[in-house]
PDB file of N, CA and C in Angstrom:
ATOM      1  N   MET A   1       8.547  21.995   4.105  1.00  0.00           N
ATOM      2  CA  MET A   1       8.794  21.602   2.742  1.00  0.00           C
ATOM      3  C   MET A   1       9.553  20.275   2.699  1.00  0.00           C
ATOM      4  N   ALA A   2      10.541  20.095   3.567  1.00  0.00           N
ATOM      5  CA  ALA A   2      11.310  18.852   3.592  1.00  0.00           C
ATOM      6  C   ALA A   2      10.423  17.667   3.948  1.00  0.00           C
ATOM      7  N   LEU A   3       9.456  17.869   4.823  1.00  0.00           N
ATOM      8  CA  LEU A   3       8.541  16.812   5.209  1.00  0.00           C
ATOM      9  C   LEU A   3       7.720  16.350   4.016  1.00  0.00           C
ATOM     10  N   MET A   4       7.271  17.273   3.202  1.00  0.00           N
ATOM     11  CA  MET A   4       6.454  16.934   2.040  1.00  0.00           C
ATOM     12  C   MET A   4       7.233  16.077   1.053  1.00  0.00           C
ATOM     13  N   SER A   5       8.500  16.341   0.847  1.00  0.00           N
ATOM     14  CA  SER A   5       9.271  15.564  -0.119  1.00  0.00           C
ATOM     15  C   SER A   5       9.591  14.161   0.390  1.00  0.00           C
ATOM     16  N   ALA A   6       9.451  13.934   1.691  1.00  0.00           N
ATOM     17  CA  ALA A   6       9.740  12.626   2.257  1.00  0.00           C
ATOM     18  C   ALA A   6       8.541  11.692   2.185  1.00  0.00           C
ATOM     19  N   ILE A   7       7.369  12.193   1.850  1.00  0.00           N
ATOM     20  CA  ILE A   7       6.169  11.378   1.782  1.00  0.00           C
ATOM     21  C   ILE A   7       6.174  10.595   0.472  1.00  0.00           C
ATOM     22  N   VAL A   8       6.027   9.278   0.591  1.00  0.00           N
ATOM     23  CA  VAL A   8       6.019   8.404  -0.588  1.00  0.00           C
ATOM     24  C   VAL A   8       4.681   7.689  -0.641  1.00  0.00           C
ATOM     25  N   THR A   9       4.054   7.696  -1.786  1.00  0.00           N
ATOM     26  CA  THR A   9       2.787   7.016  -1.967  1.00  0.00           C
ATOM     27  C   THR A   9       3.019   5.760  -2.797  1.00  0.00           C
ATOM     28  N   LEU A  10       2.668   4.629  -2.252  1.00  0.00           N
ATOM     29  CA  LEU A  10       2.816   3.370  -2.971  1.00  0.00           C
ATOM     30  C   LEU A  10       1.543   3.069  -3.757  1.00  0.00           C
ATOM     31  N   ALA A  11       1.727   2.462  -4.919  1.00  0.00           N
ATOM     32  CA  ALA A  11       0.587   2.082  -5.745  1.00  0.00           C
ATOM     33  C   ALA A  11       0.077   0.707  -5.348  1.00  0.00           C
ATOM     34  N   HIS A  12       0.708   0.080  -4.356  1.00  0.00           N
ATOM     35  CA  HIS A  12       0.310  -1.259  -3.930  1.00  0.00           C
ATOM     36  C   HIS A  12       0.565  -1.424  -2.428  1.00  0.00           C
ATOM     37  N   ASP A  13      -0.088  -2.452  -1.883  1.00  0.00           N
ATOM     38  CA  ASP A  13       0.064  -2.720  -0.451  1.00  0.00           C
ATOM     39  C   ASP A  13       1.310  -3.554  -0.153  1.00  0.00           C
ATOM     40  N   VAL A  14       1.531  -4.605  -0.939  1.00  0.00           N
ATOM     41  CA  VAL A  14       2.667  -5.505  -0.714  1.00  0.00           C
ATOM     42  C   VAL A  14       3.218  -6.010  -2.045  1.00  0.00           C
ATOM     43  N   GLU A  15       4.450  -6.513  -1.979  1.00  0.00           N
ATOM     44  CA  GLU A  15       5.061  -7.182  -3.125  1.00  0.00           C
ATOM     45  C   GLU A  15       5.557  -8.537  -2.648  1.00  0.00           C
ATOM     46  N   VAL A  16       5.172  -9.584  -3.378  1.00  0.00           N
ATOM     47  CA  VAL A  16       5.578 -10.945  -3.043  1.00  0.00           C
ATOM     48  C   VAL A  16       6.132 -11.591  -4.303  1.00  0.00           C
ATOM     49  N   ASP A  17       7.368 -12.056  -4.247  1.00  0.00           N
ATOM     50  CA  ASP A  17       8.012 -12.720  -5.384  1.00  0.00           C
ATOM     51  C   ASP A  17       7.914 -11.897  -6.666  1.00  0.00           C
ATOM     52  N   GLY A  18       8.068 -10.586  -6.539  1.00  0.00           N
ATOM     53  CA  GLY A  18       8.088  -9.706  -7.706  1.00  0.00           C
ATOM     54  C   GLY A  18       6.740  -9.280  -8.238  1.00  0.00           C
ATOM     55  N   ILE A  19       5.656  -9.708  -7.608  1.00  0.00           N
ATOM     56  CA  ILE A  19       4.301  -9.317  -8.031  1.00  0.00           C
ATOM     57  C   ILE A  19       3.702  -8.428  -6.947  1.00  0.00           C
ATOM     58  N   CYS A  20       3.093  -7.315  -7.356  1.00  0.00           N
ATOM     59  CA  CYS A  20       2.495  -6.367  -6.401  1.00  0.00           C
ATOM     60  C   CYS A  20       1.002  -6.658  -6.231  1.00  0.00           C
ATOM     61  N   TYR A  21       0.510  -6.439  -5.020  1.00  0.00           N
ATOM     62  CA  TYR A  21      -0.876  -6.745  -4.674  1.00  0.00           C
ATOM     63  C   TYR A  21      -1.475  -5.634  -3.828  1.00  0.00           C
ATOM     64  N   ASN A  22      -2.776  -5.457  -3.973  1.00  0.00           N
ATOM     65  CA  ASN A  22      -3.577  -4.705  -3.016  1.00  0.00           C
ATOM     66  C   ASN A  22      -4.338  -5.742  -2.204  1.00  0.00           C
ATOM     67  N   LEU A  23      -4.475  -5.496  -0.906  1.00  0.00           N
ATOM     68  CA  LEU A  23      -5.082  -6.461  -0.004  1.00  0.00           C
ATOM     69  C   LEU A  23      -6.413  -5.977   0.531  1.00  0.00           C
ATOM     70  N   ASN A  24      -7.353  -6.914   0.680  1.00  0.00           N
ATOM     71  CA  ASN A  24      -8.596  -6.655   1.392  1.00  0.00           C
ATOM     72  C   ASN A  24      -8.487  -7.451   2.692  1.00  0.00           C
ATOM     73  N   HIS A  25      -8.238  -6.742   3.783  1.00  0.00           N
ATOM     74  CA  HIS A  25      -7.995  -7.409   5.065  1.00  0.00           C
ATOM     75  C   HIS A  25      -9.252  -8.071   5.629  1.00  0.00           C
ATOM     76  N   GLU A  26     -10.427  -7.569   5.268  1.00  0.00           N
ATOM     77  CA  GLU A  26     -11.670  -8.150   5.776  1.00  0.00           C
ATOM     78  C   GLU A  26     -11.982  -9.490   5.119  1.00  0.00           C
ATOM     79  N   THR A  27     -11.842  -9.567   3.789  1.00  0.00           N
ATOM     80  CA  THR A  27     -12.183 -10.792   3.072  1.00  0.00           C
ATOM     81  C   THR A  27     -10.989 -11.718   2.879  1.00  0.00           C
ATOM     82  N   LYS A  28      -9.782 -11.227   3.228  1.00  0.00           N
ATOM     83  CA  LYS A  28      -8.536 -11.973   3.042  1.00  0.00           C
ATOM     84  C   LYS A  28      -8.341 -12.320   1.556  1.00  0.00           C
ATOM     85  N   GLU A  29      -8.601 -11.322   0.705  1.00  0.00           N
ATOM     86  CA  GLU A  29      -8.393 -11.474  -0.726  1.00  0.00           C
ATOM     87  C   GLU A  29      -7.335 -10.487  -1.200  1.00  0.00           C
ATOM     88  N   ALA A  30      -6.631 -10.879  -2.251  1.00  0.00           N
ATOM     89  CA  ALA A  30      -5.588 -10.040  -2.835  1.00  0.00           C
ATOM     90  C   ALA A  30      -5.881  -9.836  -4.312  1.00  0.00           C
ATOM     91  N   SER A  31      -5.522  -8.662  -4.809  1.00  0.00           N
ATOM     92  CA  SER A  31      -5.675  -8.329  -6.218  1.00  0.00           C
ATOM     93  C   SER A  31      -4.319  -7.929  -6.774  1.00  0.00           C
ATOM     94  N   VAL A  32      -3.929  -8.532  -7.901  1.00  0.00           N
ATOM     95  CA  VAL A  32      -2.677  -8.155  -8.548  1.00  0.00           C
ATOM     96  C   VAL A  32      -2.825  -6.716  -9.026  1.00  0.00           C
ATOM     97  N   THR A  33      -1.787  -5.913  -8.827  1.00  0.00           N
ATOM     98  CA  THR A  33      -1.868  -4.502  -9.190  1.00  0.00           C
ATOM     99  C   THR A  33      -0.593  -4.056  -9.902  1.00  0.00           C
ATOM    100  N   PHE A  34      -0.627  -2.854 -10.434  1.00  0.00           N
ATOM    101  CA  PHE A  34       0.494  -2.269 -11.154  1.00  0.00           C
ATOM    102  C   PHE A  34       1.710  -2.200 -10.246  1.00  0.00           C
ATOM    103  N   ASN A  35       2.890  -2.356 -10.816  1.00  0.00           N
ATOM    104  CA  ASN A  35       4.103  -2.427 -10.000  1.00  0.00           C
ATOM    105  C   ASN A  35       4.645  -1.077  -9.552  1.00  0.00           C
ATOM    106  N   GLY A  36       3.951  -0.007  -9.831  1.00  0.00           N
ATOM    107  CA  GLY A  36       4.347   1.290  -9.313  1.00  0.00           C
ATOM    108  C   GLY A  36       5.233   2.098 -10.226  1.00  0.00           C
ATOM    109  N   ASN A  37       5.604   1.562 -11.372  1.00  0.00           N
ATOM    110  CA  ASN A  37       6.436   2.287 -12.318  1.00  0.00           C
ATOM    111  C   ASN A  37       5.527   3.176 -13.171  1.00  0.00           C
ATOM    112  N   LYS A  38       5.264   4.371 -12.699  1.00  0.00           N
ATOM    113  CA  LYS A  38       4.266   5.232 -13.329  1.00  0.00           C
ATOM    114  C   LYS A  38       4.734   5.978 -14.575  1.00  0.00           C
ATOM    115  N   ASN A  39       5.959   5.713 -15.052  1.00  0.00           N
ATOM    116  CA  ASN A  39       6.363   6.374 -16.292  1.00  0.00           C
ATOM    117  C   ASN A  39       5.723   5.698 -17.499  1.00  0.00           C
ATOM    118  N   LYS A  40       5.014   4.597 -17.252  1.00  0.00           N
ATOM    119  CA  LYS A  40       4.236   3.886 -18.265  1.00  0.00           C
ATOM    120  C   LYS A  40       5.079   3.378 -19.429  1.00  0.00           C
ATOM    121  N   THR A  41       6.391   3.281 -19.256  1.00  0.00           N
ATOM    122  CA  THR A  41       7.211   2.758 -20.336  1.00  0.00           C
ATOM    123  C   THR A  41       7.581   1.305 -20.119  1.00  0.00           C
ATOM    124  N   LYS A  42       7.540   0.845 -18.885  1.00  0.00           N
ATOM    125  CA  LYS A  42       7.768  -0.575 -18.662  1.00  0.00           C
ATOM    126  C   LYS A  42       7.119  -0.996 -17.365  1.00  0.00           C
ATOM    127  N   GLY A  43       6.529  -2.163 -17.418  1.00  0.00           N
ATOM    128  CA  GLY A  43       5.917  -2.722 -16.228  1.00  0.00           C
ATOM    129  C   GLY A  43       6.694  -3.951 -15.814  1.00  0.00           C
ATOM    130  N   TYR A  44       6.005  -5.042 -15.613  1.00  0.00           N
ATOM    131  CA  TYR A  44       6.655  -6.306 -15.258  1.00  0.00           C
ATOM    132  C   TYR A  44       7.453  -6.812 -16.455  1.00  0.00           C
ATOM    133  N   GLU A  45       8.643  -7.353 -16.191  1.00  0.00           N
ATOM    134  CA  GLU A  45       9.511  -7.791 -17.275  1.00  0.00           C
ATOM    135  C   GLU A  45       9.607  -9.307 -17.408  1.00  0.00           C
ATOM    136  N   ASN A  46       9.611 -10.024 -16.326  1.00  0.00           N
ATOM    137  CA  ASN A  46       9.793 -11.477 -16.376  1.00  0.00           C
ATOM    138  C   ASN A  46       8.461 -12.186 -16.547  1.00  0.00           C
ATOM    139  N   ASN A  47       8.507 -13.387 -17.131  1.00  0.00           N
ATOM    140  CA  ASN A  47       7.289 -14.168 -17.268  1.00  0.00           C
ATOM    141  C   ASN A  47       6.665 -14.349 -15.891  1.00  0.00           C
ATOM    142  N   ILE A  48       5.346 -14.358 -15.845  1.00  0.00           N
ATOM    143  CA  ILE A  48       4.598 -14.281 -14.595  1.00  0.00           C
ATOM    144  C   ILE A  48       3.831 -15.573 -14.329  1.00  0.00           C
ATOM    145  N   THR A  49       3.905 -16.023 -13.093  1.00  0.00           N
ATOM    146  CA  THR A  49       3.021 -17.067 -12.595  1.00  0.00           C
ATOM    147  C   THR A  49       2.340 -16.491 -11.367  1.00  0.00           C
ATOM    148  N   ILE A  50       1.062 -16.244 -11.485  1.00  0.00           N
ATOM    149  CA  ILE A  50       0.300 -15.701 -10.355  1.00  0.00           C
ATOM    150  C   ILE A  50      -0.042 -16.855  -9.416  1.00  0.00           C
ATOM    151  N   PRO A  51       0.264 -16.732  -8.139  1.00  0.00           N
ATOM    152  CA  PRO A  51      -0.068 -17.811  -7.206  1.00  0.00           C
ATOM    153  C   PRO A  51      -1.552 -17.779  -6.829  1.00  0.00           C
ATOM    154  N   THR A  52      -2.036 -18.880  -6.328  1.00  0.00           N
ATOM    155  CA  THR A  52      -3.421 -18.965  -5.845  1.00  0.00           C
ATOM    156  C   THR A  52      -3.584 -18.203  -4.540  1.00  0.00           C
ATOM    157  N   ASN A  53      -2.557 -18.259  -3.695  1.00  0.00           N
ATOM    158  CA  ASN A  53      -2.582 -17.609  -2.380  1.00  0.00           C
ATOM    159  C   ASN A  53      -1.241 -16.952  -2.105  1.00  0.00           C
ATOM    160  N   ILE A  54      -1.261 -15.941  -1.244  1.00  0.00           N
ATOM    161  CA  ILE A  54      -0.038 -15.351  -0.719  1.00  0.00           C
ATOM    162  C   ILE A  54      -0.187 -15.257   0.800  1.00  0.00           C
ATOM    163  N   THR A  55       0.922 -15.270   1.501  1.00  0.00           N
ATOM    164  CA  THR A  55       0.903 -15.152   2.960  1.00  0.00           C
ATOM    165  C   THR A  55       1.570 -13.841   3.351  1.00  0.00           C
ATOM    166  N   ILE A  56       0.833 -13.032   4.103  1.00  0.00           N
ATOM    167  CA  ILE A  56       1.318 -11.746   4.594  1.00  0.00           C
ATOM    168  C   ILE A  56       1.107 -11.723   6.108  1.00  0.00           C
ATOM    169  N   ASP A  57       2.177 -11.506   6.852  1.00  0.00           N
ATOM    170  CA  ASP A  57       2.107 -11.457   8.316  1.00  0.00           C
ATOM    171  C   ASP A  57       1.347 -12.651   8.890  1.00  0.00           C
ATOM    172  N   ASN A  58       1.700 -13.837   8.412  1.00  0.00           N
ATOM    173  CA  ASN A  58       1.089 -15.098   8.846  1.00  0.00           C
ATOM    174  C   ASN A  58      -0.397 -15.212   8.535  1.00  0.00           C
ATOM    175  N   GLU A  59      -0.906 -14.374   7.637  1.00  0.00           N
ATOM    176  CA  GLU A  59      -2.305 -14.435   7.200  1.00  0.00           C
ATOM    177  C   GLU A  59      -2.334 -14.863   5.738  1.00  0.00           C
ATOM    178  N   LEU A  60      -3.208 -15.813   5.415  1.00  0.00           N
ATOM    179  CA  LEU A  60      -3.348 -16.308   4.055  1.00  0.00           C
ATOM    180  C   LEU A  60      -4.369 -15.465   3.291  1.00  0.00           C
ATOM    181  N   TYR A  61      -3.973 -14.965   2.126  1.00  0.00           N
ATOM    182  CA  TYR A  61      -4.852 -14.181   1.254  1.00  0.00           C
ATOM    183  C   TYR A  61      -5.023 -14.933  -0.059  1.00  0.00           C
ATOM    184  N   LYS A  62      -6.258 -15.085  -0.502  1.00  0.00           N
ATOM    185  CA  LYS A  62      -6.549 -15.722  -1.784  1.00  0.00           C
ATOM    186  C   LYS A  62      -6.439 -14.662  -2.880  1.00  0.00           C
ATOM    187  N   VAL A  63      -5.705 -14.960  -3.931  1.00  0.00           N
ATOM    188  CA  VAL A  63      -5.549 -14.026  -5.056  1.00  0.00           C
ATOM    189  C   VAL A  63      -6.741 -14.228  -5.978  1.00  0.00           C
ATOM    190  N   THR A  64      -7.634 -13.227  -6.030  1.00  0.00           N
ATOM    191  CA  THR A  64      -8.912 -13.391  -6.714  1.00  0.00           C
ATOM    192  C   THR A  64      -9.102 -12.530  -7.957  1.00  0.00           C
ATOM    193  N   SER A  65      -8.199 -11.566  -8.184  1.00  0.00           N
ATOM    194  CA  SER A  65      -8.406 -10.702  -9.352  1.00  0.00           C
ATOM    195  C   SER A  65      -7.098 -10.122  -9.866  1.00  0.00           C
ATOM    196  N   ILE A  66      -7.160  -9.718 -11.123  1.00  0.00           N
ATOM    197  CA  ILE A  66      -6.086  -8.948 -11.746  1.00  0.00           C
ATOM    198  C   ILE A  66      -6.664  -7.557 -11.918  1.00  0.00           C
ATOM    199  N   GLY A  67      -6.110  -6.597 -11.222  1.00  0.00           N
ATOM    200  CA  GLY A  67      -6.677  -5.256 -11.165  1.00  0.00           C
ATOM    201  C   GLY A  67      -6.469  -4.419 -12.422  1.00  0.00           C
ATOM    202  N   GLU A  68      -7.122  -3.271 -12.421  1.00  0.00           N
ATOM    203  CA  GLU A  68      -7.038  -2.290 -13.502  1.00  0.00           C
ATOM    204  C   GLU A  68      -5.578  -1.906 -13.759  1.00  0.00           C
ATOM    205  N   GLU A  69      -5.164  -1.985 -15.016  1.00  0.00           N
ATOM    206  CA  GLU A  69      -3.818  -1.607 -15.465  1.00  0.00           C
ATOM    207  C   GLU A  69      -2.703  -2.417 -14.791  1.00  0.00           C
ATOM    208  N   ALA A  70      -3.016  -3.565 -14.236  1.00  0.00           N
ATOM    209  CA  ALA A  70      -2.040  -4.339 -13.452  1.00  0.00           C
ATOM    210  C   ALA A  70      -0.753  -4.638 -14.217  1.00  0.00           C
ATOM    211  N   PHE A  71      -0.863  -5.035 -15.463  1.00  0.00           N
ATOM    212  CA  PHE A  71       0.325  -5.416 -16.232  1.00  0.00           C
ATOM    213  C   PHE A  71       0.578  -4.465 -17.399  1.00  0.00           C
ATOM    214  N   MET A  72       0.000  -3.289 -17.364  1.00  0.00           N
ATOM    215  CA  MET A  72       0.126  -2.308 -18.446  1.00  0.00           C
ATOM    216  C   MET A  72       1.583  -2.113 -18.863  1.00  0.00           C
ATOM    217  N   PHE A  73       1.818  -2.181 -20.169  1.00  0.00           N
ATOM    218  CA  PHE A  73       3.134  -1.966 -20.783  1.00  0.00           C
ATOM    219  C   PHE A  73       4.214  -2.916 -20.276  1.00  0.00           C
ATOM    220  N   SER A  74       3.825  -4.086 -19.808  1.00  0.00           N
ATOM    221  CA  SER A  74       4.807  -5.073 -19.371  1.00  0.00           C
ATOM    222  C   SER A  74       5.411  -5.770 -20.583  1.00  0.00           C
ATOM    223  N   SER A  75       6.623  -6.300 -20.405  1.00  0.00           N
ATOM    224  CA  SER A  75       7.321  -6.896 -21.535  1.00  0.00           C
ATOM    225  C   SER A  75       7.435  -8.417 -21.467  1.00  0.00           C
ATOM    226  N   PHE A  76       6.766  -9.061 -20.503  1.00  0.00           N
ATOM    227  CA  PHE A  76       6.843 -10.517 -20.420  1.00  0.00           C
ATOM    228  C   PHE A  76       6.136 -11.159 -21.610  1.00  0.00           C
ATOM    229  N   LYS A  77       6.494 -12.430 -21.871  1.00  0.00           N
ATOM    230  CA  LYS A  77       5.920 -13.156 -22.999  1.00  0.00           C
ATOM    231  C   LYS A  77       4.785 -14.084 -22.591  1.00  0.00           C
ATOM    232  N   SER A  78       4.805 -14.566 -21.350  1.00  0.00           N
ATOM    233  CA  SER A  78       3.754 -15.489 -20.932  1.00  0.00           C
ATOM    234  C   SER A  78       3.335 -15.222 -19.497  1.00  0.00           C
ATOM    235  N   ILE A  79       2.099 -15.626 -19.225  1.00  0.00           N
ATOM    236  CA  ILE A  79       1.553 -15.484 -17.875  1.00  0.00           C
ATOM    237  C   ILE A  79       0.684 -16.692 -17.573  1.00  0.00           C
ATOM    238  N   THR A  80       0.799 -17.184 -16.355  1.00  0.00           N
ATOM    239  CA  THR A  80      -0.024 -18.287 -15.888  1.00  0.00           C
ATOM    240  C   THR A  80      -0.983 -17.731 -14.845  1.00  0.00           C
ATOM    241  N   ILE A  81      -2.268 -17.919 -15.103  1.00  0.00           N
ATOM    242  CA  ILE A  81      -3.320 -17.402 -14.225  1.00  0.00           C
ATOM    243  C   ILE A  81      -3.974 -18.586 -13.506  1.00  0.00           C
ATOM    244  N   PRO A  82      -4.038 -18.561 -12.179  1.00  0.00           N
ATOM    245  CA  PRO A  82      -4.632 -19.684 -11.444  1.00  0.00           C
ATOM    246  C   PRO A  82      -6.158 -19.653 -11.465  1.00  0.00           C
ATOM    247  N   ASN A  83      -6.760 -20.772 -11.088  1.00  0.00           N
ATOM    248  CA  ASN A  83      -8.226 -20.872 -11.028  1.00  0.00           C
ATOM    249  C   ASN A  83      -8.850 -20.016  -9.934  1.00  0.00           C
ATOM    250  N   SER A  84      -8.053 -19.413  -9.078  1.00  0.00           N
ATOM    251  CA  SER A  84      -8.596 -18.547  -8.020  1.00  0.00           C
ATOM    252  C   SER A  84      -9.021 -17.183  -8.574  1.00  0.00           C
ATOM    253  N   ILE A  85      -8.555 -16.827  -9.755  1.00  0.00           N
ATOM    254  CA  ILE A  85      -8.866 -15.526 -10.356  1.00  0.00           C
ATOM    255  C   ILE A  85     -10.268 -15.556 -10.962  1.00  0.00           C
ATOM    256  N   SER A  86     -11.091 -14.566 -10.597  1.00  0.00           N
ATOM    257  CA  SER A  86     -12.447 -14.484 -11.143  1.00  0.00           C
ATOM    258  C   SER A  86     -12.656 -13.267 -12.035  1.00  0.00           C
ATOM    259  N   SER A  87     -11.745 -12.280 -11.970  1.00  0.00           N
ATOM    260  CA  SER A  87     -11.946 -11.089 -12.804  1.00  0.00           C
ATOM    261  C   SER A  87     -10.618 -10.505 -13.264  1.00  0.00           C
ATOM    262  N   ILE A  88     -10.682  -9.898 -14.453  1.00  0.00           N
ATOM    263  CA  ILE A  88      -9.543  -9.203 -15.035  1.00  0.00           C
ATOM    264  C   ILE A  88      -9.995  -7.768 -15.288  1.00  0.00           C
ATOM    265  N   GLY A  89      -9.289  -6.813 -14.710  1.00  0.00           N
ATOM    266  CA  GLY A  89      -9.692  -5.415 -14.728  1.00  0.00           C
ATOM    267  C   GLY A  89      -9.431  -4.693 -16.043  1.00  0.00           C
ATOM    268  N   GLU A  90      -9.992  -3.503 -16.128  1.00  0.00           N
ATOM    269  CA  GLU A  90      -9.864  -2.638 -17.296  1.00  0.00           C
ATOM    270  C   GLU A  90      -8.391  -2.366 -17.601  1.00  0.00           C
ATOM    271  N   ASP A  91      -8.025  -2.502 -18.867  1.00  0.00           N
ATOM    272  CA  ASP A  91      -6.661  -2.237 -19.342  1.00  0.00           C
ATOM    273  C   ASP A  91      -5.597  -3.075 -18.628  1.00  0.00           C
ATOM    274  N   ALA A  92      -5.961  -4.220 -18.088  1.00  0.00           N
ATOM    275  CA  ALA A  92      -5.036  -5.033 -17.298  1.00  0.00           C
ATOM    276  C   ALA A  92      -3.769  -5.405 -18.063  1.00  0.00           C
ATOM    277  N   PHE A  93      -3.891  -5.715 -19.343  1.00  0.00           N
ATOM    278  CA  PHE A  93      -2.746  -6.106 -20.157  1.00  0.00           C
ATOM    279  C   PHE A  93      -2.487  -5.108 -21.289  1.00  0.00           C
ATOM    280  N   TYR A  94      -2.973  -3.903 -21.147  1.00  0.00           N
ATOM    281  CA  TYR A  94      -2.840  -2.859 -22.155  1.00  0.00           C
ATOM    282  C   TYR A  94      -1.370  -2.679 -22.559  1.00  0.00           C
ATOM    283  N   GLY A  95      -1.109  -2.746 -23.854  1.00  0.00           N
ATOM    284  CA  GLY A  95       0.233  -2.489 -24.361  1.00  0.00           C
ATOM    285  C   GLY A  95       1.253  -3.585 -24.111  1.00  0.00           C
ATOM    286  N   CYS A  96       0.805  -4.785 -23.768  1.00  0.00           N
ATOM    287  CA  CYS A  96       1.727  -5.914 -23.560  1.00  0.00           C
ATOM    288  C   CYS A  96       2.036  -6.542 -24.921  1.00  0.00           C
ATOM    289  N   LYS A  97       2.848  -5.883 -25.695  1.00  0.00           N
ATOM    290  CA  LYS A  97       3.092  -6.266 -27.088  1.00  0.00           C
ATOM    291  C   LYS A  97       3.878  -7.557 -27.239  1.00  0.00           C
ATOM    292  N   ASN A  98       4.572  -8.007 -26.204  1.00  0.00           N
ATOM    293  CA  ASN A  98       5.337  -9.254 -26.278  1.00  0.00           C
ATOM    294  C   ASN A  98       4.544 -10.467 -25.814  1.00  0.00           C
ATOM    295  N   LEU A  99       3.330 -10.254 -25.309  1.00  0.00           N
ATOM    296  CA  LEU A  99       2.530 -11.345 -24.755  1.00  0.00           C
ATOM    297  C   LEU A  99       2.143 -12.333 -25.856  1.00  0.00           C
ATOM    298  N   THR A 100       2.629 -13.574 -25.730  1.00  0.00           N
ATOM    299  CA  THR A 100       2.338 -14.601 -26.735  1.00  0.00           C
ATOM    300  C   THR A 100       1.620 -15.803 -26.146  1.00  0.00           C
ATOM    301  N   SER A 101       1.598 -15.927 -24.811  1.00  0.00           N
ATOM    302  CA  SER A 101       0.984 -17.093 -24.199  1.00  0.00           C
ATOM    303  C   SER A 101       0.226 -16.708 -22.933  1.00  0.00           C
ATOM    304  N   ILE A 102      -1.068 -16.974 -22.974  1.00  0.00           N
ATOM    305  CA  ILE A 102      -1.916 -16.746 -21.800  1.00  0.00           C
ATOM    306  C   ILE A 102      -3.058 -17.755 -21.855  1.00  0.00           C
ATOM    307  N   THR A 103      -3.329 -18.375 -20.741  1.00  0.00           N
ATOM    308  CA  THR A 103      -4.482 -19.261 -20.629  1.00  0.00           C
ATOM    309  C   THR A 103      -5.390 -18.659 -19.574  1.00  0.00           C
ATOM    310  N   ILE A 104      -6.607 -18.379 -19.973  1.00  0.00           N
ATOM    311  CA  ILE A 104      -7.579 -17.788 -19.043  1.00  0.00           C
ATOM    312  C   ILE A 104      -8.449 -18.926 -18.519  1.00  0.00           C
ATOM    313  N   PRO A 105      -8.379 -19.199 -17.206  1.00  0.00           N
ATOM    314  CA  PRO A 105      -9.149 -20.321 -16.655  1.00  0.00           C
ATOM    315  C   PRO A 105     -10.652 -20.038 -16.653  1.00  0.00           C
ATOM    316  N   ASN A 106     -11.439 -21.107 -16.578  1.00  0.00           N
ATOM    317  CA  ASN A 106     -12.902 -20.995 -16.541  1.00  0.00           C
ATOM    318  C   ASN A 106     -13.401 -20.219 -15.331  1.00  0.00           C
ATOM    319  N   SER A 107     -12.576 -20.066 -14.313  1.00  0.00           N
ATOM    320  CA  SER A 107     -12.980 -19.331 -13.114  1.00  0.00           C
ATOM    321  C   SER A 107     -13.161 -17.838 -13.392  1.00  0.00           C
ATOM    322  N   VAL A 108     -12.563 -17.332 -14.471  1.00  0.00           N
ATOM    323  CA  VAL A 108     -12.691 -15.906 -14.815  1.00  0.00           C
ATOM    324  C   VAL A 108     -14.081 -15.682 -15.403  1.00  0.00           C
ATOM    325  N   THR A 109     -14.874 -14.887 -14.688  1.00  0.00           N
ATOM    326  CA  THR A 109     -16.248 -14.627 -15.115  1.00  0.00           C
ATOM    327  C   THR A 109     -16.445 -13.216 -15.662  1.00  0.00           C
ATOM    328  N   SER A 110     -15.422 -12.361 -15.482  1.00  0.00           N
ATOM    329  CA  SER A 110     -15.535 -11.012 -16.059  1.00  0.00           C
ATOM    330  C   SER A 110     -14.177 -10.509 -16.526  1.00  0.00           C
ATOM    331  N   ILE A 111     -14.188  -9.940 -17.724  1.00  0.00           N
ATOM    332  CA  ILE A 111     -13.011  -9.299 -18.296  1.00  0.00           C
ATOM    333  C   ILE A 111     -13.453  -7.902 -18.703  1.00  0.00           C
ATOM    334  N   ASP A 112     -12.882  -6.889 -18.064  1.00  0.00           N
ATOM    335  CA  ASP A 112     -13.308  -5.519 -18.299  1.00  0.00           C
ATOM    336  C   ASP A 112     -12.790  -4.975 -19.628  1.00  0.00           C
ATOM    337  N   GLU A 113     -13.389  -3.885 -20.044  1.00  0.00           N
ATOM    338  CA  GLU A 113     -13.072  -3.232 -21.308  1.00  0.00           C
ATOM    339  C   GLU A 113     -11.581  -2.918 -21.417  1.00  0.00           C
ATOM    340  N   GLY A 114     -11.040  -3.181 -22.580  1.00  0.00           N
ATOM    341  CA  GLY A 114      -9.656  -2.814 -22.870  1.00  0.00           C
ATOM    342  C   GLY A 114      -8.614  -3.704 -22.237  1.00  0.00           C
ATOM    343  N   ALA A 115      -9.023  -4.812 -21.653  1.00  0.00           N
ATOM    344  CA  ALA A 115      -8.084  -5.660 -20.921  1.00  0.00           C
ATOM    345  C   ALA A 115      -6.899  -6.095 -21.795  1.00  0.00           C
ATOM    346  N   PHE A 116      -7.134  -6.253 -23.079  1.00  0.00           N
ATOM    347  CA  PHE A 116      -6.067  -6.723 -23.968  1.00  0.00           C
ATOM    348  C   PHE A 116      -5.807  -5.752 -25.124  1.00  0.00           C
ATOM    349  N   PHE A 117      -6.132  -4.475 -24.961  1.00  0.00           N
ATOM    350  CA  PHE A 117      -5.852  -3.485 -26.010  1.00  0.00           C
ATOM    351  C   PHE A 117      -4.354  -3.407 -26.276  1.00  0.00           C
ATOM    352  N   TYR A 118      -4.021  -3.277 -27.522  1.00  0.00           N
ATOM    353  CA  TYR A 118      -2.635  -3.073 -27.986  1.00  0.00           C
ATOM    354  C   TYR A 118      -1.677  -4.168 -27.554  1.00  0.00           C
ATOM    355  N   CYS A 119      -2.180  -5.395 -27.532  1.00  0.00           N
ATOM    356  CA  CYS A 119      -1.320  -6.557 -27.348  1.00  0.00           C
ATOM    357  C   CYS A 119      -0.977  -7.093 -28.733  1.00  0.00           C
ATOM    358  N   MET A 120       0.168  -7.653 -28.901  1.00  0.00           N
ATOM    359  CA  MET A 120       0.668  -8.253 -30.137  1.00  0.00           C
ATOM    360  C   MET A 120       1.358  -7.241 -30.984  1.00  0.00           C
TER     361      MET A 120
END
């Protein structure tokens, strides 16, 4: 029983500069993901600048997507998305009621359903 309570499941692979990512080791791509606060009452709090690349264990990963529910219920006001991002996942910004500034670059070719539900 004690062993079971010691097992922790992370909702992400790594965290860099306050942003959580899932990594694809084969393609060397990273996807922004939810920060692991599963009570759904608060997500990311500070304004966000997503980098084009992150370095993990001396390996360069290109940040190519914003994953499903990545910023759900976050309280930041602005986000900067780089040209490396090509997709925004389902419910990515769901419930981000303080979001007042976002520029979506031309590199984004898909925005999934509900990506901006309940913003404003």
